[in-house]
N, C-alpha and C. Protein backbone atom coordinates (compact mmCIF):
# COMPACT_ATOMS: atom_id res chain seq x y z
N MET A 1 0.82 -1.18 0.00
CA MET A 1 0.00 0.00 0.00
C MET A 1 0.87 1.26 0.00
N GLY A 2 1.97 1.22 0.73
CA GLY A 2 2.90 2.35 0.77
C GLY A 2 3.53 2.60 -0.59
N TRP A 3 3.82 1.46 -1.29
CA TRP A 3 4.42 1.60 -2.62
C TRP A 3 3.42 2.20 -3.60
N ALA A 4 2.20 1.80 -3.50
CA ALA A 4 1.16 2.32 -4.40
C ALA A 4 0.97 3.82 -4.17
N LEU A 5 0.96 4.21 -2.90
CA LEU A 5 0.79 5.63 -2.57
C LEU A 5 1.99 6.44 -3.08
N SER A 6 3.19 5.90 -2.93
CA SER A 6 4.40 6.57 -3.42
C SER A 6 4.37 6.67 -4.94
N ALA A 7 3.95 5.61 -5.60
CA ALA A 7 3.87 5.61 -7.06
C ALA A 7 2.86 6.65 -7.54
N LEU A 8 1.71 6.71 -6.87
CA LEU A 8 0.70 7.71 -7.24
C LEU A 8 1.22 9.13 -7.02
N PHE A 9 1.96 9.33 -5.94
CA PHE A 9 2.52 10.65 -5.66
C PHE A 9 3.53 11.05 -6.74
N ILE A 10 4.37 10.10 -7.15
CA ILE A 10 5.37 10.37 -8.19
C ILE A 10 4.68 10.66 -9.52
N VAL A 11 3.64 9.89 -9.85
CA VAL A 11 2.90 10.12 -11.09
C VAL A 11 2.25 11.50 -11.05
N ALA A 12 1.68 11.86 -9.90
CA ALA A 12 1.05 13.18 -9.76
C ALA A 12 2.09 14.29 -9.95
N ALA A 13 3.27 14.12 -9.37
CA ALA A 13 4.33 15.12 -9.51
C ALA A 13 4.77 15.24 -10.96
N LEU A 14 4.91 14.10 -11.65
CA LEU A 14 5.29 14.12 -13.06
C LEU A 14 4.22 14.80 -13.91
N LEU A 15 2.96 14.50 -13.62
CA LEU A 15 1.87 15.15 -14.36
C LEU A 15 1.85 16.66 -14.10
N PHE A 16 2.16 17.05 -12.87
CA PHE A 16 2.21 18.47 -12.54
C PHE A 16 3.31 19.17 -13.34
N VAL A 17 4.49 18.56 -13.39
CA VAL A 17 5.61 19.13 -14.15
C VAL A 17 5.26 19.19 -15.63
N PHE A 18 4.67 18.13 -16.16
CA PHE A 18 4.26 18.10 -17.56
C PHE A 18 3.23 19.19 -17.84
N SER A 19 2.28 19.36 -16.96
CA SER A 19 1.25 20.38 -17.11
C SER A 19 1.87 21.78 -17.10
N TYR A 20 2.81 22.02 -16.21
CA TYR A 20 3.49 23.30 -16.13
C TYR A 20 4.25 23.58 -17.42
N TYR A 21 4.94 22.57 -17.94
CA TYR A 21 5.70 22.71 -19.18
C TYR A 21 4.78 23.05 -20.34
N LYS A 22 3.66 22.36 -20.44
CA LYS A 22 2.71 22.60 -21.53
C LYS A 22 2.09 24.00 -21.42
N SER A 23 1.79 24.44 -20.22
CA SER A 23 1.20 25.77 -20.06
C SER A 23 2.22 26.85 -20.44
N LYS A 24 3.50 26.63 -20.15
CA LYS A 24 4.54 27.57 -20.55
C LYS A 24 4.64 27.65 -22.07
N GLN A 25 4.56 26.48 -22.72
CA GLN A 25 4.62 26.46 -24.18
C GLN A 25 3.43 27.20 -24.78
N ALA A 26 2.24 26.99 -24.21
CA ALA A 26 1.05 27.67 -24.71
C ALA A 26 1.16 29.18 -24.51
N ALA A 27 1.70 29.59 -23.38
CA ALA A 27 1.87 31.02 -23.11
C ALA A 27 2.86 31.64 -24.10
N LYS A 28 3.93 30.93 -24.41
CA LYS A 28 4.91 31.44 -25.37
C LYS A 28 4.28 31.56 -26.76
N ALA A 29 3.49 30.56 -27.14
CA ALA A 29 2.83 30.60 -28.45
C ALA A 29 1.86 31.78 -28.52
N GLU A 30 1.11 32.00 -27.46
CA GLU A 30 0.19 33.13 -27.43
C GLU A 30 0.95 34.45 -27.50
N GLN A 31 2.07 34.54 -26.80
CA GLN A 31 2.86 35.77 -26.82
C GLN A 31 3.42 36.02 -28.22
N ARG A 32 3.87 34.96 -28.90
CA ARG A 32 4.36 35.12 -30.27
C ARG A 32 3.25 35.62 -31.19
N GLU A 33 2.06 35.08 -31.01
CA GLU A 33 0.93 35.50 -31.83
C GLU A 33 0.58 36.97 -31.56
N ILE A 34 0.60 37.35 -30.29
CA ILE A 34 0.32 38.74 -29.93
C ILE A 34 1.39 39.66 -30.54
N ASP A 35 2.64 39.25 -30.46
CA ASP A 35 3.72 40.05 -31.02
C ASP A 35 3.58 40.20 -32.53
N THR A 36 3.18 39.12 -33.19
CA THR A 36 2.99 39.16 -34.64
C THR A 36 1.88 40.14 -35.01
N VAL A 37 0.78 40.06 -34.29
CA VAL A 37 -0.35 40.96 -34.56
C VAL A 37 0.07 42.40 -34.29
N TYR A 38 0.80 42.61 -33.20
CA TYR A 38 1.25 43.96 -32.85
C TYR A 38 2.16 44.52 -33.95
N MET A 39 3.10 43.72 -34.42
CA MET A 39 4.02 44.19 -35.45
C MET A 39 3.28 44.51 -36.75
N SER A 40 2.33 43.67 -37.13
CA SER A 40 1.59 43.95 -38.35
C SER A 40 0.74 45.21 -38.20
N MET A 41 0.19 45.42 -37.01
CA MET A 41 -0.58 46.63 -36.78
C MET A 41 0.32 47.87 -36.83
N MET A 42 1.50 47.77 -36.26
CA MET A 42 2.42 48.91 -36.29
C MET A 42 2.88 49.21 -37.71
N GLU A 43 3.13 48.18 -38.51
CA GLU A 43 3.50 48.39 -39.91
C GLU A 43 2.37 49.09 -40.65
N GLU A 44 1.15 48.65 -40.40
CA GLU A 44 -0.01 49.26 -41.05
C GLU A 44 -0.17 50.72 -40.63
N VAL A 45 0.03 50.99 -39.35
CA VAL A 45 -0.07 52.37 -38.86
C VAL A 45 1.01 53.23 -39.51
N ASN A 46 2.22 52.72 -39.62
CA ASN A 46 3.30 53.48 -40.26
C ASN A 46 3.00 53.75 -41.73
N LYS A 47 2.47 52.76 -42.43
CA LYS A 47 2.08 52.96 -43.83
C LYS A 47 1.02 54.04 -43.94
N LEU A 48 0.02 53.96 -43.06
CA LEU A 48 -1.06 54.94 -43.10
C LEU A 48 -0.54 56.34 -42.78
N GLN A 49 0.36 56.45 -41.83
CA GLN A 49 0.93 57.76 -41.51
C GLN A 49 1.70 58.32 -42.70
N GLY A 50 2.43 57.46 -43.38
CA GLY A 50 3.15 57.90 -44.58
C GLY A 50 2.21 58.36 -45.67
N GLN A 51 1.13 57.61 -45.86
CA GLN A 51 0.15 57.99 -46.87
C GLN A 51 -0.54 59.30 -46.50
N ILE A 52 -0.85 59.46 -45.23
CA ILE A 52 -1.48 60.70 -44.79
C ILE A 52 -0.54 61.88 -45.02
N ARG A 53 0.73 61.70 -44.64
CA ARG A 53 1.71 62.78 -44.83
C ARG A 53 1.83 63.11 -46.31
N SER A 54 1.87 62.09 -47.15
CA SER A 54 1.99 62.32 -48.59
C SER A 54 0.77 63.06 -49.12
N LEU A 55 -0.42 62.66 -48.68
CA LEU A 55 -1.63 63.33 -49.13
C LEU A 55 -1.69 64.78 -48.65
N GLU A 56 -1.28 65.01 -47.42
CA GLU A 56 -1.26 66.38 -46.91
C GLU A 56 -0.31 67.25 -47.72
N LEU A 57 0.86 66.70 -48.02
CA LEU A 57 1.84 67.46 -48.80
C LEU A 57 1.33 67.71 -50.22
N GLU A 58 0.72 66.70 -50.81
CA GLU A 58 0.18 66.87 -52.15
C GLU A 58 -0.92 67.91 -52.19
N SER A 59 -1.79 67.88 -51.20
CA SER A 59 -2.88 68.86 -51.19
C SER A 59 -2.33 70.27 -50.99
N GLU A 60 -1.29 70.40 -50.16
CA GLU A 60 -0.67 71.70 -49.97
C GLU A 60 -0.03 72.19 -51.27
N ILE A 61 0.64 71.29 -51.94
CA ILE A 61 1.30 71.66 -53.20
C ILE A 61 0.26 72.01 -54.25
N ASN A 62 -0.77 71.19 -54.37
CA ASN A 62 -1.80 71.45 -55.37
C ASN A 62 -2.55 72.74 -55.09
N ALA A 63 -2.69 73.08 -53.84
CA ALA A 63 -3.36 74.33 -53.51
C ALA A 63 -2.51 75.53 -53.92
N GLN A 64 -1.21 75.38 -53.92
CA GLN A 64 -0.31 76.49 -54.24
C GLN A 64 0.04 76.57 -55.73
N ARG A 65 0.20 75.41 -56.36
CA ARG A 65 0.67 75.41 -57.75
C ARG A 65 -0.13 74.47 -58.62
N ALA A 66 -0.13 74.81 -59.88
CA ALA A 66 -0.72 73.91 -60.87
C ALA A 66 0.22 73.89 -62.08
N GLY A 67 0.12 72.84 -62.87
CA GLY A 67 0.91 72.77 -64.09
C GLY A 67 2.35 72.34 -63.90
N MET A 68 2.63 71.50 -62.91
CA MET A 68 3.99 71.02 -62.69
C MET A 68 4.14 69.63 -63.30
N THR A 69 5.35 69.29 -63.70
CA THR A 69 5.60 67.94 -64.19
C THR A 69 5.64 66.98 -63.00
N LYS A 70 5.57 65.69 -63.30
CA LYS A 70 5.62 64.69 -62.23
C LYS A 70 6.94 64.76 -61.46
N GLU A 71 8.02 64.97 -62.19
CA GLU A 71 9.33 65.03 -61.55
C GLU A 71 9.42 66.23 -60.61
N GLU A 72 8.93 67.38 -61.09
CA GLU A 72 8.95 68.58 -60.24
C GLU A 72 8.07 68.40 -59.01
N LEU A 73 6.91 67.80 -59.22
CA LEU A 73 5.99 67.55 -58.11
C LEU A 73 6.62 66.61 -57.09
N HIS A 74 7.28 65.56 -57.58
CA HIS A 74 7.94 64.60 -56.68
C HIS A 74 9.07 65.27 -55.90
N LEU A 75 9.88 66.07 -56.59
CA LEU A 75 10.98 66.77 -55.93
C LEU A 75 10.44 67.72 -54.86
N LEU A 76 9.42 68.49 -55.21
CA LEU A 76 8.85 69.43 -54.25
C LEU A 76 8.24 68.70 -53.06
N ARG A 77 7.59 67.58 -53.32
CA ARG A 77 7.00 66.79 -52.24
C ARG A 77 8.09 66.28 -51.29
N GLU A 78 9.18 65.78 -51.85
CA GLU A 78 10.28 65.29 -51.02
C GLU A 78 10.91 66.41 -50.20
N ILE A 79 11.13 67.55 -50.84
CA ILE A 79 11.73 68.68 -50.13
C ILE A 79 10.82 69.16 -49.02
N LEU A 80 9.54 69.30 -49.32
CA LEU A 80 8.59 69.76 -48.32
C LEU A 80 8.45 68.76 -47.18
N ASP A 81 8.50 67.48 -47.50
CA ASP A 81 8.42 66.45 -46.46
C ASP A 81 9.61 66.55 -45.50
N LEU A 82 10.80 66.69 -46.06
CA LEU A 82 11.99 66.82 -45.21
C LEU A 82 11.93 68.09 -44.38
N TYR A 83 11.45 69.18 -44.98
CA TYR A 83 11.35 70.43 -44.24
C TYR A 83 10.36 70.31 -43.09
N LYS A 84 9.22 69.67 -43.34
CA LYS A 84 8.20 69.51 -42.30
C LYS A 84 8.70 68.59 -41.18
N ARG A 85 9.68 67.75 -41.48
CA ARG A 85 10.26 66.88 -40.45
C ARG A 85 11.50 67.52 -39.82
N ASN A 86 11.60 68.83 -39.97
CA ASN A 86 12.63 69.65 -39.32
C ASN A 86 14.06 69.38 -39.78
N TYR A 87 14.22 68.99 -41.05
CA TYR A 87 15.57 68.91 -41.61
C TYR A 87 16.04 70.33 -41.88
N THR A 88 17.34 70.55 -41.83
CA THR A 88 17.86 71.88 -42.11
C THR A 88 17.81 72.14 -43.61
N LEU A 89 17.77 73.42 -43.96
CA LEU A 89 17.76 73.78 -45.37
C LEU A 89 19.06 73.35 -46.05
N GLU A 90 20.16 73.44 -45.30
CA GLU A 90 21.45 73.02 -45.86
C GLU A 90 21.44 71.52 -46.15
N GLY A 91 20.88 70.75 -45.23
CA GLY A 91 20.82 69.30 -45.41
C GLY A 91 19.94 68.91 -46.59
N ILE A 92 18.81 69.60 -46.72
CA ILE A 92 17.91 69.32 -47.84
C ILE A 92 18.58 69.68 -49.16
N ALA A 93 19.23 70.84 -49.19
CA ALA A 93 19.92 71.27 -50.41
C ALA A 93 21.01 70.27 -50.79
N ALA A 94 21.76 69.79 -49.81
CA ALA A 94 22.82 68.83 -50.10
C ALA A 94 22.26 67.51 -50.62
N LYS A 95 21.14 67.09 -50.06
CA LYS A 95 20.55 65.81 -50.47
C LYS A 95 20.12 65.83 -51.94
N PHE A 96 19.59 66.97 -52.40
CA PHE A 96 19.07 67.05 -53.77
C PHE A 96 19.99 67.83 -54.71
N ASP A 97 21.23 68.09 -54.28
CA ASP A 97 22.20 68.83 -55.09
C ASP A 97 21.65 70.17 -55.58
N LEU A 98 21.09 70.92 -54.65
CA LEU A 98 20.56 72.24 -54.95
C LEU A 98 21.28 73.26 -54.08
N GLU A 99 21.12 74.51 -54.44
CA GLU A 99 21.62 75.59 -53.59
C GLU A 99 20.60 75.84 -52.49
N GLN A 100 21.07 76.37 -51.38
CA GLN A 100 20.17 76.62 -50.25
C GLN A 100 19.08 77.62 -50.63
N HIS A 101 19.43 78.65 -51.40
CA HIS A 101 18.43 79.65 -51.77
C HIS A 101 17.36 79.05 -52.69
N GLU A 102 17.75 78.03 -53.50
CA GLU A 102 16.76 77.36 -54.35
C GLU A 102 15.74 76.60 -53.50
N VAL A 103 16.23 75.94 -52.46
CA VAL A 103 15.34 75.22 -51.55
C VAL A 103 14.42 76.21 -50.85
N GLU A 104 14.99 77.34 -50.41
CA GLU A 104 14.17 78.36 -49.75
C GLU A 104 13.07 78.87 -50.67
N GLN A 105 13.41 79.08 -51.95
CA GLN A 105 12.42 79.56 -52.91
C GLN A 105 11.33 78.52 -53.14
N LEU A 106 11.72 77.24 -53.18
CA LEU A 106 10.73 76.19 -53.42
C LEU A 106 9.75 76.05 -52.26
N ILE A 107 10.24 76.16 -51.04
CA ILE A 107 9.34 75.94 -49.90
C ILE A 107 8.70 77.22 -49.38
N ALA A 108 9.12 78.37 -49.90
CA ALA A 108 8.60 79.65 -49.40
C ALA A 108 7.06 79.72 -49.41
N PRO A 109 6.38 79.27 -50.46
CA PRO A 109 4.91 79.39 -50.43
C PRO A 109 4.24 78.50 -49.37
N TYR A 110 4.96 77.53 -48.86
CA TYR A 110 4.36 76.56 -47.94
C TYR A 110 4.73 76.80 -46.49
N VAL A 111 5.60 77.77 -46.26
CA VAL A 111 6.07 78.04 -44.90
C VAL A 111 5.15 79.06 -44.26
N THR A 112 4.65 78.72 -43.09
CA THR A 112 3.84 79.68 -42.34
C THR A 112 4.75 80.42 -41.39
N LYS A 113 4.59 81.70 -41.37
CA LYS A 113 5.44 82.51 -40.50
C LYS A 113 4.72 82.72 -39.18
N ASN A 114 5.41 82.42 -38.11
CA ASN A 114 4.86 82.61 -36.77
C ASN A 114 5.44 83.87 -36.16
N GLU A 115 5.35 84.95 -36.91
CA GLU A 115 5.91 86.19 -36.42
C GLU A 115 4.90 86.87 -35.52
N GLY A 116 5.38 87.81 -34.77
CA GLY A 116 4.51 88.52 -33.84
C GLY A 116 4.62 87.89 -32.47
N ARG A 117 3.81 88.40 -31.56
CA ARG A 117 3.86 87.84 -30.22
C ARG A 117 2.46 87.70 -29.70
N LYS A 118 2.32 86.87 -28.71
CA LYS A 118 1.02 86.68 -28.08
C LYS A 118 0.82 87.78 -27.06
N VAL A 119 -0.36 88.30 -27.04
CA VAL A 119 -0.67 89.36 -26.09
C VAL A 119 -1.58 88.79 -25.03
N ALA A 120 -1.22 88.99 -23.80
CA ALA A 120 -2.05 88.51 -22.71
C ALA A 120 -3.25 89.43 -22.56
N ASN A 121 -4.36 88.84 -22.23
CA ASN A 121 -5.56 89.64 -22.01
C ASN A 121 -5.36 90.52 -20.79
N GLU A 122 -5.54 91.78 -21.00
CA GLU A 122 -5.39 92.70 -19.88
C GLU A 122 -6.77 93.11 -19.42
N GLY A 123 -6.92 93.08 -18.14
CA GLY A 123 -8.10 93.21 -17.46
C GLY A 123 -9.15 94.09 -17.51
């Protein structure tokens, strides 16, 4: 009877270890699936942000100019995109082999000037 009880205890311990191992594997599989879904969602969000940025830039360009070639439109879109992402004018000019004043002239219609100062309401 003692041997049977010991054998049952050992079997129970082995089943417990096996159960723990299987639950760990299931948790890892679920985590991998969650990570995969998360990564695909982040890729989709990044694509959408890029498309939104491109559409915003295109609408800004189209509102300012008409009658440009595809190459000119693409160049202006790239320059404006870099400018909106706070690249320096020198860096943009170097990237596209342009002079700094040429870049300034291209983006001038799209730059909003925040000149002036805020006035506090006086009582």
